[in-house]
Amino acid sequence: MMNKYILGGAVALTLVACQSPFHKAADVSSYRHPASSEELITGSQKVLNDLSNPQIFNPNSCAKFVNQVTDYMYYLPADHFIPKNAQEVESLKIHGPEVMDTIFQIRVVLHEKLKEFDSRNELNKDCIQKIREGFQYARFAEEYLLEWLFSQKVYNFKASPIMSNSKPNTWTNSKFADFELKSGDVMLIRGKSYVSAMIARIGDEEGNFSHLAIVGEDKAGKKYVVEALIQYGTIVTPLEKWRQTEDARVALYRQPDEALAKLAARKMYDKAKAALDNKKGIRYDFAMDDEDYSSLFCSEVIRYAYDVASDGKFIIPKYRSSVSKFKNTDYPKSLGVTKPTLFAPYDIEVDPRFDFVAEYRHYPLLRQVRMQDAVLQSVYSWMIEKDYTFHWAAGHSIKAYFAKFVRQFGLVADTLPKYMPMDSLKTNVQFEAVAKVLEKNIYQKEEEFYKKKGYLPSFQDMLAINEEYRAQDCEAHKEWREKSNSPFTDERERNSTDPSKFHWFFNNSAKSCK
């Protein structure tokens, strides 16, 4: 089963925001309607208070507490807290910002508890995993509510540099009010491509981020951002120039030891700049092997910086992601990932040795990445639960090899590196082919959903839309095969009458549509 914390969306608007978060599934029929902004405010505040009460939330109760909260949210109707009349709309417009503050503070407190339990050697694996889930639920809730507040003109969007310290672009931990970016700061980022969505869910634990970068520093004290990108390998960008780019969300984490952070920033900058000056650069590490620094992927940049700066005494992350959920498929081995664990970017969220400083969001991109997450979540779940696999068609192979051939002559060197493994390229092409089909459908269904219900579909709703489309596409392919007496084939070029959009190359060997 896929983790329940992927649901989010309108369901997550509750973020544990009821008088008692410990209802059972059987109590769903008793949930009162219409929605109540007051219930959102008092309920979320109650959870925040409970987290701060050691009699209620402690290392022993941690996993159970968070799980009961997320279970409660899991069983709520998707529209439970959606305003249903003008009075409710006005109430949520007034109190929505307060709810945003409270939910963000819940994440801050969860991170502080993580640090506290770890400092006493009382942090257990179950607690870590459930706190991960708590972070995801809270973020889903904030972003869905944030988008609603933008749509109601409670907030007005104005583009600002990444980590501009003001709402509604950035929410800040009160301990770091008026913060400025420092050397050694680690930024957890969500990109805007389908590759980003793939990375964000590659680990068993899953997350909402796909990339890490560090604030580096040269000998004159000037700040840069050092990061490893698939297209270019490790690059160095002046900090203020980097802050003008657009990413859906960026969370800021800080190592409290300023001397260590500053040295890490310098070590990483020096390594990256020297390689670039020598016209060699540092290749991107498609295997995501963070024990071999000859090539670097994004998380490995951070690990290298603090490893070298501490003489091997400070190794990141403290708690790694596992990679086992795809055990019956060739993925993620087709990407080059062969080890049972990896440093997934979002592992920094549960590294108690860093402070959680702030989180920035670029509002226009939130809808896009939410849809990408829903699409990839569906694709992954079909692979894991329904044994779907990619069946590589000859036409696709030609396109892949052509792309590699063109790269060798540098014609698209700014898009993909010449050394990118063919299997990695092929896997990316396959995933994007399915994703584009699902994306087109989900955009159309979203518009229909909004016209009918008056609010955007939740993450759970989008998964249901994808599942309905999968079943329809599968039945269309099955019916075509039965009518044409065609063998179960993967070559689209020979079967142009097949009406299916993706089942001709992404399906299960049992030919089942269930």
Protein backbone atom coordinates (compact mmCIF):
# COMPACT_ATOMS: atom_id res chain seq x y z
CA MET A 1 0.00 0.00 0.00
CA MET A 2 1.14 3.53 -0.76
CA ASN A 3 1.56 5.73 2.31
CA LYS A 4 -1.63 7.45 3.34
CA TYR A 5 0.07 10.78 3.85
CA ILE A 6 0.07 11.45 0.10
CA LEU A 7 -3.56 12.50 0.18
CA GLY A 8 -3.44 16.15 1.18
CA GLY A 9 -5.48 18.76 -0.62
CA ALA A 10 -8.89 19.65 0.68
CA VAL A 11 -8.78 16.81 3.16
CA ALA A 12 -5.58 18.29 4.52
CA LEU A 13 -7.26 21.63 5.10
CA THR A 14 -8.31 20.14 8.40
CA LEU A 15 -4.73 19.49 9.43
CA VAL A 16 -5.95 17.86 12.57
CA ALA A 17 -8.19 20.85 12.98
CA CYS A 18 -11.10 19.47 14.93
CA GLN A 19 -11.97 19.51 18.59
CA SER A 20 -10.72 15.97 19.00
CA PRO A 21 -8.34 14.52 16.41
CA PHE A 22 -8.76 10.95 17.58
CA HIS A 23 -12.04 9.93 15.97
CA LYS A 24 -12.26 6.52 14.36
CA ALA A 25 -13.32 5.87 10.76
CA ALA A 26 -16.76 4.82 12.01
CA ASP A 27 -17.36 8.37 13.24
CA VAL A 28 -17.29 9.88 9.74
CA SER A 29 -21.08 10.01 9.54
CA SER A 30 -21.15 12.21 12.63
CA TYR A 31 -18.91 14.94 11.17
CA ARG A 32 -21.00 18.04 11.20
CA HIS A 33 -21.74 20.17 8.19
CA PRO A 34 -21.37 22.90 7.09
CA ALA A 35 -17.70 23.62 7.47
CA SER A 36 -16.52 25.72 10.34
CA SER A 37 -13.59 28.14 10.28
CA GLU A 38 -13.78 28.27 14.05
CA GLU A 39 -13.32 24.51 14.14
CA LEU A 40 -10.22 24.89 11.98
CA ILE A 41 -8.76 27.51 14.30
CA THR A 42 -9.52 25.86 17.62
CA GLY A 43 -8.68 22.37 16.43
CA SER A 44 -5.29 23.25 14.94
CA GLN A 45 -4.47 25.28 18.05
CA LYS A 46 -5.38 22.29 20.24
CA VAL A 47 -2.97 20.06 18.36
CA LEU A 48 -0.26 22.71 18.68
CA ASN A 49 -0.87 22.84 22.42
CA ASP A 50 -0.85 19.05 22.70
CA LEU A 51 2.50 18.86 20.91
CA SER A 52 3.94 21.17 23.54
CA ASN A 53 2.59 19.06 26.41
CA PRO A 54 5.05 16.27 27.34
CA GLN A 55 2.28 14.37 29.06
CA ILE A 56 0.54 14.05 25.69
CA PHE A 57 3.37 14.15 23.16
CA ASN A 58 6.61 12.41 24.08
CA PRO A 59 8.98 9.83 22.53
CA ASN A 60 6.71 6.97 23.56
CA SER A 61 3.50 8.53 22.25
CA CYS A 62 5.00 10.28 19.22
CA ALA A 63 4.21 7.72 16.52
CA LYS A 64 0.74 6.93 17.87
CA PHE A 65 -0.18 10.61 18.28
CA VAL A 66 0.78 11.61 14.75
CA ASN A 67 -0.73 8.45 13.26
CA GLN A 68 -4.08 9.05 14.97
CA VAL A 69 -4.11 12.58 13.61
CA THR A 70 -3.31 11.51 10.06
CA ASP A 71 -5.79 8.63 10.27
CA TYR A 72 -8.47 11.10 11.27
CA MET A 73 -7.67 13.25 8.25
CA TYR A 74 -7.54 10.23 5.96
CA TYR A 75 -11.18 9.37 6.60
CA LEU A 76 -12.61 12.88 6.32
CA PRO A 77 -14.77 13.71 3.31
CA ALA A 78 -12.71 15.75 0.83
CA ASP A 79 -14.96 18.81 1.16
CA HIS A 80 -15.34 18.79 4.93
CA PHE A 81 -13.85 22.23 5.52
CA ILE A 82 -14.64 23.84 2.18
CA PRO A 83 -16.83 26.92 2.78
CA LYS A 84 -20.32 26.26 1.48
CA ASN A 85 -22.00 29.65 1.70
CA ALA A 86 -21.13 33.35 1.73
CA GLN A 87 -20.94 33.55 5.53
CA GLU A 88 -18.47 30.68 5.75
CA VAL A 89 -16.39 32.16 2.95
CA GLU A 90 -16.09 35.46 4.80
CA SER A 91 -15.25 33.71 8.05
CA LEU A 92 -12.44 31.70 6.47
CA LYS A 93 -11.14 34.80 4.69
CA ILE A 94 -10.84 36.51 8.06
CA HIS A 95 -9.35 33.61 9.99
CA GLY A 96 -7.46 31.84 7.21
CA PRO A 97 -4.14 33.66 7.82
CA GLU A 98 -4.33 32.70 11.49
CA VAL A 99 -4.83 29.06 10.54
CA MET A 100 -1.84 29.30 8.18
CA ASP A 101 0.31 30.59 11.04
CA THR A 102 -0.83 27.82 13.36
CA ILE A 103 -0.23 25.03 10.88
CA PHE A 104 3.23 26.35 10.09
CA GLN A 105 3.96 26.54 13.81
CA ILE A 106 2.92 22.88 14.15
CA ARG A 107 5.71 22.01 11.73
CA VAL A 108 8.16 24.16 13.66
CA VAL A 109 7.25 22.44 16.93
CA LEU A 110 7.44 18.97 15.36
CA HIS A 111 10.98 19.77 14.23
CA GLU A 112 11.90 21.05 17.69
CA LYS A 113 10.55 17.86 19.25
CA LEU A 114 12.61 15.87 16.78
CA LYS A 115 15.73 17.69 18.01
CA GLU A 116 14.73 17.34 21.65
CA PHE A 117 14.08 13.59 21.48
CA ASP A 118 17.27 13.00 19.52
CA SER A 119 19.37 14.98 22.03
CA ARG A 120 18.21 12.54 24.73
CA ASN A 121 18.74 9.49 22.49
CA GLU A 122 15.00 8.82 22.69
CA LEU A 123 14.14 9.22 19.02
CA ASN A 124 12.92 5.99 17.45
CA LYS A 125 12.37 4.96 13.83
CA ASP A 126 8.57 4.97 14.03
CA CYS A 127 8.55 8.47 15.47
CA ILE A 128 10.83 9.73 12.68
CA GLN A 129 8.60 8.24 10.01
CA LYS A 130 5.42 9.63 11.52
CA ILE A 131 6.97 13.08 11.88
CA ARG A 132 7.82 12.89 8.18
CA GLU A 133 4.14 12.24 7.55
CA GLY A 134 3.16 15.10 9.82
CA PHE A 135 5.33 17.47 7.80
CA GLN A 136 3.69 16.31 4.57
CA TYR A 137 0.14 16.68 5.86
CA ALA A 138 0.87 20.12 7.27
CA ARG A 139 2.44 21.32 4.02
CA PHE A 140 -0.48 20.02 1.96
CA ALA A 141 -2.86 21.85 4.27
CA GLU A 142 -0.94 25.12 4.15
CA GLU A 143 -0.65 25.15 0.38
CA TYR A 144 -4.25 24.25 -0.33
CA LEU A 145 -5.44 26.92 2.10
CA LEU A 146 -2.87 29.39 0.74
CA GLU A 147 -4.17 28.92 -2.79
CA TRP A 148 -7.73 29.46 -1.57
CA LEU A 149 -6.70 32.67 0.20
CA PHE A 150 -5.03 33.89 -2.98
CA SER A 151 -8.17 33.11 -4.99
CA GLN A 152 -10.24 35.11 -2.50
CA LYS A 153 -7.80 38.06 -2.71
CA VAL A 154 -6.93 37.78 0.97
CA TYR A 155 -3.36 37.60 -0.28
CA ASN A 156 -2.13 39.19 -3.47
CA PHE A 157 0.73 37.60 -5.35
CA LYS A 158 3.85 39.63 -5.93
CA ALA A 159 6.98 37.95 -7.21
CA SER A 160 9.89 38.20 -4.82
CA PRO A 161 13.38 36.72 -4.52
CA ILE A 162 13.64 33.28 -2.96
CA MET A 163 13.68 33.53 0.83
CA SER A 164 12.39 37.09 0.90
CA ASN A 165 11.40 37.28 4.54
CA SER A 166 7.75 38.29 4.25
CA LYS A 167 4.34 36.67 3.93
CA PRO A 168 2.68 35.31 1.87
CA ASN A 169 5.83 34.23 0.05
CA THR A 170 7.74 33.09 3.14
CA TRP A 171 6.74 31.86 6.57
CA THR A 172 9.50 32.11 9.16
CA ASN A 173 10.31 30.35 12.43
CA SER A 174 9.95 33.09 15.06
CA LYS A 175 13.39 32.18 16.43
CA PHE A 176 14.87 33.43 13.16
CA ALA A 177 12.85 36.60 12.62
CA ASP A 178 14.53 38.98 10.14
CA PHE A 179 16.91 36.19 9.04
CA GLU A 180 19.34 36.56 6.15
CA LEU A 181 20.93 33.72 4.23
CA LYS A 182 24.22 32.59 5.73
CA SER A 183 27.16 30.62 4.40
CA GLY A 184 26.56 26.90 4.90
CA ASP A 185 22.77 27.23 4.85
CA VAL A 186 21.07 24.27 3.20
CA MET A 187 18.08 24.86 0.93
CA LEU A 188 15.59 22.08 0.28
CA ILE A 189 13.91 22.73 -3.07
CA ARG A 190 11.04 21.46 -5.17
CA GLY A 191 11.72 21.82 -8.87
CA LYS A 192 9.06 22.15 -11.53
CA SER A 193 9.74 19.17 -13.81
CA TYR A 194 8.53 15.59 -13.87
CA VAL A 195 12.05 14.46 -13.02
CA SER A 196 11.62 16.45 -9.81
CA ALA A 197 8.37 14.63 -9.08
CA MET A 198 10.11 11.29 -9.70
CA ILE A 199 12.89 12.12 -7.23
CA ALA A 200 10.47 13.47 -4.62
CA ARG A 201 8.87 10.02 -4.36
CA ILE A 202 11.75 7.69 -5.14
CA GLY A 203 12.31 6.64 -1.51
CA ASP A 204 9.97 4.49 0.55
CA GLU A 205 9.44 7.44 2.88
CA GLU A 206 8.56 9.89 0.07
CA GLY A 207 8.48 13.65 0.28
CA ASN A 208 7.56 16.89 -1.41
CA PHE A 209 11.07 18.04 -2.35
CA SER A 210 13.48 17.02 -5.08
CA HIS A 211 16.68 19.02 -4.71
CA LEU A 212 19.27 20.36 -2.25
CA ALA A 213 21.66 23.30 -2.57
CA ILE A 214 24.13 24.97 -0.23
CA VAL A 215 25.13 28.58 0.23
CA GLY A 216 28.84 28.61 -0.58
CA GLU A 217 31.43 31.28 0.09
CA ASP A 218 34.65 32.38 -1.62
CA LYS A 219 37.79 33.63 0.14
CA ALA A 220 36.52 37.22 -0.06
CA GLY A 221 33.33 36.26 1.77
CA LYS A 222 31.06 36.59 -1.26
CA LYS A 223 28.14 34.17 -1.24
CA TYR A 224 27.15 31.75 -3.99
CA VAL A 225 24.76 28.84 -4.36
CA VAL A 226 26.47 25.53 -5.13
CA GLU A 227 24.29 22.74 -6.48
CA ALA A 228 24.41 19.68 -8.73
CA LEU A 229 21.97 19.68 -11.64
CA ILE A 230 21.28 16.83 -14.04
CA GLN A 231 21.84 19.10 -17.04
CA TYR A 232 25.17 20.59 -16.00
CA GLY A 233 26.70 18.75 -13.08
CA THR A 234 27.91 20.90 -10.17
CA ILE A 235 27.51 24.62 -10.77
CA VAL A 236 28.17 27.85 -8.88
CA THR A 237 25.76 30.80 -9.06
CA PRO A 238 26.01 34.20 -7.29
CA LEU A 239 23.51 34.12 -4.44
CA GLU A 240 21.45 37.12 -5.48
CA LYS A 241 21.21 35.90 -9.06
CA TRP A 242 20.10 32.47 -7.84
CA ARG A 243 17.41 34.04 -5.66
CA GLN A 244 15.74 35.46 -8.78
CA THR A 245 14.94 31.99 -10.15
CA GLU A 246 11.52 30.38 -9.70
CA ASP A 247 10.97 27.21 -7.70
CA ALA A 248 7.68 25.99 -6.28
CA ARG A 249 8.97 25.80 -2.70
CA VAL A 250 12.23 26.22 -0.84
CA ALA A 251 12.75 25.28 2.81
CA LEU A 252 15.76 26.65 4.67
CA TYR A 253 17.80 24.60 7.16
CA ARG A 254 20.74 25.89 9.17
CA GLN A 255 23.58 24.20 11.03
CA PRO A 256 23.83 25.91 14.47
CA ASP A 257 27.65 25.61 14.49
CA GLU A 258 28.47 28.75 12.49
CA ALA A 259 32.17 27.92 12.20
CA LEU A 260 31.43 24.47 10.78
CA ALA A 261 28.81 25.88 8.41
CA LYS A 262 31.16 28.58 7.16
CA LEU A 263 33.95 26.08 6.54
CA ALA A 264 31.57 23.72 4.74
CA ALA A 265 30.48 26.60 2.52
CA ARG A 266 34.09 27.40 1.64
CA LYS A 267 35.12 23.78 1.02
CA MET A 268 32.24 23.15 -1.35
CA TYR A 269 32.70 26.41 -3.21
CA ASP A 270 36.42 25.81 -3.66
CA LYS A 271 35.90 22.29 -4.99
CA ALA A 272 33.19 23.28 -7.46
CA LYS A 273 34.94 26.45 -8.65
CA ALA A 274 38.28 24.71 -9.16
CA ALA A 275 36.64 22.03 -11.30
CA LEU A 276 34.82 24.64 -13.38
CA ASP A 277 37.98 26.72 -13.82
CA ASN A 278 39.78 23.64 -15.10
CA LYS A 279 37.05 23.24 -17.73
CA LYS A 280 36.24 19.79 -16.38
CA GLY A 281 33.46 20.36 -13.92
CA ILE A 282 32.05 17.70 -11.60
CA ARG A 283 29.77 15.19 -13.30
CA TYR A 284 26.27 14.52 -12.06
CA ASP A 285 26.05 11.25 -10.13
CA PHE A 286 23.13 9.36 -11.66
CA ALA A 287 23.72 6.40 -9.32
CA MET A 288 23.06 8.68 -6.32
CA ASP A 289 25.98 7.04 -4.52
CA ASP A 290 26.90 9.53 -1.82
CA GLU A 291 29.91 7.54 -0.64
CA ASP A 292 31.87 8.23 -3.84
CA TYR A 293 32.67 11.92 -4.34
CA SER A 294 34.15 11.55 -7.84
CA SER A 295 30.76 12.68 -9.15
CA LEU A 296 28.01 14.44 -7.19
CA PHE A 297 24.23 14.51 -7.15
CA CYS A 298 22.38 17.28 -5.35
CA SER A 299 22.25 15.75 -1.85
CA GLU A 300 25.84 14.61 -2.16
CA VAL A 301 26.98 18.23 -2.50
CA ILE A 302 25.73 18.87 1.02
CA ARG A 303 27.20 15.65 2.38
CA TYR A 304 30.61 16.39 0.85
CA ALA A 305 30.69 19.96 2.20
CA TYR A 306 30.05 18.98 5.82
CA ASP A 307 32.03 15.74 5.66
CA VAL A 308 35.21 17.49 4.52
CA ALA A 309 34.70 20.51 6.78
CA SER A 310 34.34 18.27 9.86
CA ASP A 311 37.10 15.79 8.94
CA GLY A 312 34.49 13.06 8.66
CA LYS A 313 32.85 13.76 12.03
CA PHE A 314 29.61 15.22 10.65
CA ILE A 315 27.97 12.97 8.06
CA ILE A 316 24.65 13.93 6.51
CA PRO A 317 21.92 12.74 6.69
CA LYS A 318 21.46 11.26 10.10
CA TYR A 319 18.42 9.29 8.94
CA ARG A 320 18.44 7.99 5.36
CA SER A 321 15.68 6.95 3.00
CA SER A 322 15.28 3.33 1.97
CA VAL A 323 14.61 2.16 -1.57
CA SER A 324 12.64 -1.08 -1.53
CA LYS A 325 9.07 -0.38 -2.65
CA PHE A 326 9.88 -1.03 -6.33
CA LYS A 327 11.21 -4.53 -5.60
CA ASN A 328 9.28 -6.20 -8.43
CA THR A 329 10.41 -3.76 -11.13
CA ASP A 330 13.60 -2.60 -12.81
CA TYR A 331 13.02 0.85 -11.38
CA PRO A 332 14.96 2.66 -9.85
CA LYS A 333 17.87 0.49 -11.08
CA SER A 334 17.12 1.79 -14.55
CA LEU A 335 18.04 5.23 -13.25
CA GLY A 336 21.32 3.85 -11.94
CA VAL A 337 20.26 3.63 -8.27
CA THR A 338 21.30 0.20 -6.97
CA LYS A 339 21.88 0.64 -3.22
CA PRO A 340 19.16 -0.16 -0.66
CA THR A 341 19.34 3.33 0.89
CA LEU A 342 20.04 6.80 -0.40
CA PHE A 343 20.28 10.40 0.74
CA ALA A 344 16.97 11.67 -0.57
CA PRO A 345 16.84 15.49 -0.53
CA TYR A 346 13.94 15.55 1.93
CA ASP A 347 15.96 13.53 4.49
CA ILE A 348 17.27 16.89 5.66
CA GLU A 349 13.78 17.59 7.06
CA VAL A 350 14.30 14.99 9.76
CA ASP A 351 17.97 15.63 10.48
CA PRO A 352 17.75 16.98 14.04
CA ARG A 353 21.19 18.61 13.82
CA PHE A 354 19.79 21.38 11.61
CA ASP A 355 17.41 24.19 12.54
CA PHE A 356 14.30 24.75 10.46
CA VAL A 357 14.44 28.45 9.62
CA ALA A 358 11.78 29.27 7.02
CA GLU A 359 9.84 28.11 3.97
CA TYR A 360 9.29 30.01 0.74
CA ARG A 361 6.66 29.32 -1.93
CA HIS A 362 6.16 30.64 -5.45
CA TYR A 363 2.39 30.65 -5.70
CA PRO A 364 2.01 30.31 -9.51
CA LEU A 365 3.85 26.97 -9.46
CA LEU A 366 2.00 25.26 -6.62
CA ARG A 367 -0.83 23.96 -8.81
CA GLN A 368 1.63 22.60 -11.36
CA VAL A 369 3.74 20.64 -8.90
CA ARG A 370 0.68 19.34 -7.06
CA MET A 371 -0.55 17.86 -10.33
CA GLN A 372 2.88 16.43 -11.11
CA ASP A 373 2.97 14.81 -7.67
CA ALA A 374 -0.48 13.31 -8.19
CA VAL A 375 0.49 11.96 -11.61
CA LEU A 376 3.74 10.38 -10.42
CA GLN A 377 2.08 9.04 -7.28
CA SER A 378 -0.46 7.25 -9.46
CA VAL A 379 2.18 5.89 -11.83
CA TYR A 380 4.29 4.61 -8.92
CA SER A 381 1.28 3.02 -7.23
CA TRP A 382 0.31 1.19 -10.45
CA MET A 383 3.84 -0.15 -10.72
CA ILE A 384 3.88 -1.32 -7.11
CA GLU A 385 0.31 -2.48 -6.59
CA LYS A 386 -0.81 -3.47 -10.10
CA ASP A 387 2.51 -4.73 -11.53
CA TYR A 388 2.59 -2.17 -14.33
CA THR A 389 5.85 -1.99 -16.27
CA PHE A 390 7.15 -0.12 -19.30
CA HIS A 391 7.43 -2.03 -22.54
CA TRP A 392 10.04 -0.27 -24.60
CA ALA A 393 8.90 0.29 -28.19
CA ALA A 394 11.29 0.38 -31.12
CA GLY A 395 10.27 3.93 -31.93
CA HIS A 396 11.20 5.09 -28.48
CA SER A 397 14.59 3.42 -28.73
CA ILE A 398 15.31 5.30 -31.93
CA LYS A 399 14.38 8.58 -30.29
CA ALA A 400 16.58 7.83 -27.29
CA TYR A 401 19.61 6.88 -29.34
CA PHE A 402 19.06 9.86 -31.60
CA ALA A 403 19.04 12.12 -28.54
CA LYS A 404 22.30 10.58 -27.36
CA PHE A 405 23.81 10.96 -30.84
CA VAL A 406 22.87 14.65 -31.00
CA ARG A 407 24.29 15.26 -27.53
CA GLN A 408 27.66 13.90 -28.62
CA PHE A 409 27.89 16.80 -31.05
CA GLY A 410 26.92 19.29 -28.37
CA LEU A 411 23.70 20.40 -30.04
CA VAL A 412 21.65 20.03 -26.85
CA ALA A 413 24.46 20.11 -24.33
CA ASP A 414 22.46 22.60 -22.28
CA THR A 415 19.67 20.07 -21.87
CA LEU A 416 21.28 16.74 -20.99
CA PRO A 417 24.88 15.71 -20.33
CA LYS A 418 26.65 13.57 -22.90
CA TYR A 419 27.52 11.03 -20.22
CA MET A 420 23.92 10.47 -19.09
CA PRO A 421 23.40 6.68 -19.08
CA MET A 422 21.11 5.45 -21.82
CA ASP A 423 18.94 3.56 -19.31
CA SER A 424 18.45 6.78 -17.33
CA LEU A 425 17.50 8.67 -20.45
CA LYS A 426 15.12 5.91 -21.52
CA THR A 427 13.46 5.78 -18.11
CA ASN A 428 12.93 9.52 -18.07
CA VAL A 429 11.40 9.42 -21.56
CA GLN A 430 9.06 6.61 -20.52
CA PHE A 431 7.82 8.31 -17.37
CA GLU A 432 7.30 11.61 -19.12
CA ALA A 433 5.34 9.94 -21.93
CA VAL A 434 2.78 8.57 -19.45
CA ALA A 435 2.86 11.71 -17.31
CA LYS A 436 2.00 14.00 -20.20
CA VAL A 437 -1.06 11.91 -21.05
CA LEU A 438 -2.29 11.94 -17.45
CA GLU A 439 -1.48 15.62 -17.08
CA LYS A 440 -3.60 16.58 -20.08
CA ASN A 441 -6.54 14.62 -18.68
CA ILE A 442 -6.20 15.97 -15.15
CA TYR A 443 -6.14 19.60 -16.29
CA GLN A 444 -9.36 19.01 -18.18
CA LYS A 445 -11.00 17.18 -15.27
CA GLU A 446 -9.87 19.87 -12.84
CA GLU A 447 -11.81 22.50 -14.78
CA GLU A 448 -14.88 20.29 -14.86
CA PHE A 449 -14.50 19.58 -11.14
CA TYR A 450 -14.28 23.27 -10.28
CA LYS A 451 -17.31 24.22 -12.37
CA LYS A 452 -19.36 21.52 -10.67
CA LYS A 453 -18.20 21.91 -7.06
CA GLY A 454 -16.79 25.43 -6.83
CA TYR A 455 -13.40 24.41 -5.43
CA LEU A 456 -10.27 22.70 -6.72
CA PRO A 457 -9.85 18.93 -6.44
CA SER A 458 -7.77 17.69 -3.53
CA PHE A 459 -4.76 15.45 -3.96
CA GLN A 460 -7.02 12.53 -3.14
CA ASP A 461 -9.51 13.68 -5.79
CA MET A 462 -6.72 13.86 -8.38
CA LEU A 463 -5.59 10.33 -7.59
CA ALA A 464 -9.18 9.20 -8.14
CA ILE A 465 -9.26 11.06 -11.48
CA ASN A 466 -6.06 9.29 -12.54
CA GLU A 467 -7.39 5.91 -11.48
CA GLU A 468 -10.61 6.39 -13.43
CA TYR A 469 -8.61 7.35 -16.50
CA ARG A 470 -6.31 4.35 -16.11
CA ALA A 471 -9.27 1.97 -16.04
CA GLN A 472 -10.88 3.61 -19.09
CA ASP A 473 -7.65 3.56 -21.07
CA CYS A 474 -7.03 -0.06 -20.12
CA GLU A 475 -10.52 -1.12 -21.18
CA ALA A 476 -10.13 0.71 -24.49
CA HIS A 477 -6.88 -1.13 -25.17
CA LYS A 478 -8.38 -4.47 -24.10
CA GLU A 479 -11.46 -4.00 -26.30
CA TRP A 480 -9.28 -3.09 -29.28
CA ARG A 481 -7.16 -6.22 -28.83
CA GLU A 482 -10.24 -8.45 -28.60
CA LYS A 483 -11.88 -6.95 -31.69
CA SER A 484 -8.74 -6.96 -33.81
CA ASN A 485 -7.43 -10.33 -32.59
CA SER A 486 -4.15 -8.52 -32.09
CA PRO A 487 -1.44 -10.04 -29.94
CA PHE A 488 -0.47 -8.16 -26.84
CA THR A 489 2.12 -5.93 -28.47
CA ASP A 490 4.21 -2.95 -27.53
CA GLU A 491 4.80 -1.50 -30.97
CA ARG A 492 2.47 1.45 -31.42
CA GLU A 493 3.67 2.00 -34.98
CA ARG A 494 2.08 -1.29 -36.09
CA ASN A 495 -1.20 -0.65 -34.28
CA SER A 496 -2.28 2.86 -35.13
CA THR A 497 -5.95 1.95 -34.63
CA ASP A 498 -5.41 1.24 -30.92
CA PRO A 499 -7.40 3.98 -29.11
CA SER A 500 -5.50 3.69 -25.81
CA LYS A 501 -3.29 6.61 -24.84
CA PHE A 502 -0.66 4.75 -22.85
CA HIS A 503 -1.58 1.11 -22.29
CA TRP A 504 0.11 0.15 -25.53
CA PHE A 505 3.47 0.59 -23.74
CA PHE A 506 2.70 0.89 -20.00
CA ASN A 507 0.68 -2.05 -18.71
CA ASN A 508 0.80 -5.27 -16.72
CA SER A 509 1.56 -8.66 -18.19
CA ALA A 510 -1.72 -10.05 -16.86
CA LYS A 511 -3.58 -7.61 -19.16
CA SER A 512 -5.83 -6.86 -16.20
CA CYS A 513 -7.72 -3.58 -15.87
CA LYS A 514 -8.63 -4.11 -12.21
